[in-house]
Amino acid sequence: MSNATTRRRFLGRGLGTLGVFAWLTGARTSRAAAPTATMMNEKAVAFLRTRQNGEGGWSTEREPGITALVVTALLRSGRVTAADPAVSRGLAYLERFLTPKGGLSEVPHANYATAIALMAFREANSSGRYDSTIKSAQAFLKSMQWDESEGKSRDNAFYGGAGYGGANSRPDLSNTAFLMDALRETGLPANDPSLQKALVFVSRCQNLKGEFNDQPWAGKVNDGGFVYTAANGGSSMAGKTDDGGLRSYASMTYAGLKSMIHAGLTQDDPRVKAAFTYITKHYSLDENPGLGQQGLYYYYQTFAKALAAVGKPTLTDVSGQSHDWRAELIEALGKRQNPDGSWVNKADRFMEGDPNLVTAYALLALAHARPKA
């Protein structure tokens, strides 16, 4: 065999090997390509369709609030409309709980369920179909706030807040934030008395000693972050410091920031500045700072709602690094979506072991990560 023939065969084999290598590399690159928000939305919506039960709801063995959250998330995904059969059945399920008192007033977590259902009805309110439902639910939520009508004056730590309702009506920042979301998103102005009362409670949940927080623990941590509640001496899901301070954590800090914006505070307000200071020191999409993996998906949707309300496309952390928070959030969710389209949290606290609830949270986060047109 000639040297030329041998060389040609060697080169041919080499080129063939390179071609196979290039194909394999390309295949791996294609498989590793990050999913887009649209792809994640489509898979998540398809997953939730399979999870709707015979009653028309999701996780109905828990409470109707989860169905309300799923319906809201589906409608905000941009993939379905109010006429979609899954949404129509979900809305009909929620309507079964409406009462003359307004909202879902007789369910165990009446405040929580009504606030979230109010957002679902608002998203589906084409041609004024739910106008009266929305108005009566607003009135119910206002009536359930702690204020003078329940014998709580402004100097009481309960004042302005809202709890779950029913047997557990102690106010907390999470339920108060959902109440404020619902009232603002259904048309109440920032200076509405209910929102201004809620601001009093929200301010007392901030680790910021001063004229807006008179609680004895407020100055012990004093980092501008937020805790779960100021009521009954205060409580934080992140626990206490050795001297009795309440540790801040990120999900409540974003909820507090968003709520202050809903009540009309600007970025010049010392409370808003302090919240931003905490956020720039604890920016992360790998965890819920202060709680680690616990409450991660609640954190994602609150993070997205708050930063969308701020209206800035980037956030600069304390080290000076600029973050495109929308892109980073989409990337974080893309890494965590399951092949079936769901999300679920292995750190099963706050019901985040329920894929219906967690997938709804993720869809809401994606909805707020879409830039406004």
Foldseek 3Di string as FASTA:
>chain_A
DDPVVVVVVVVVVVVVVVVVVVVVVVVVCVVPDFDDLLVLLVLLVVLVVVQQDPQLAHPVVVPLLLRLLLLLLNLLLPPDACPPPSNVSSLVSLVVQADPQAANQPTQQGLSSRLSNLSSCLSHCPPNPCVVNNVSSLVNNLVLQDDVVVPDHLVALSWLFFDSDHPTTRGWLVSLLSNLVSCVVVPDALQPPSLVRNLLNLQCQFLADDDSHPQPQSPVVHQLAGATGPHPNDEHPLDADPVGHHDGWQLSLLSSLLSVVSNPDDCVDPSNVSSLLVCLADPDLQAGGSPGPPCNLSSLLSVLSSVLSNPDQWRAHPVRDIDRVLVVSSSSVSVQADPSSWHAGPNCDPNRNRRSSSSSSSSSSNSSSDDDD
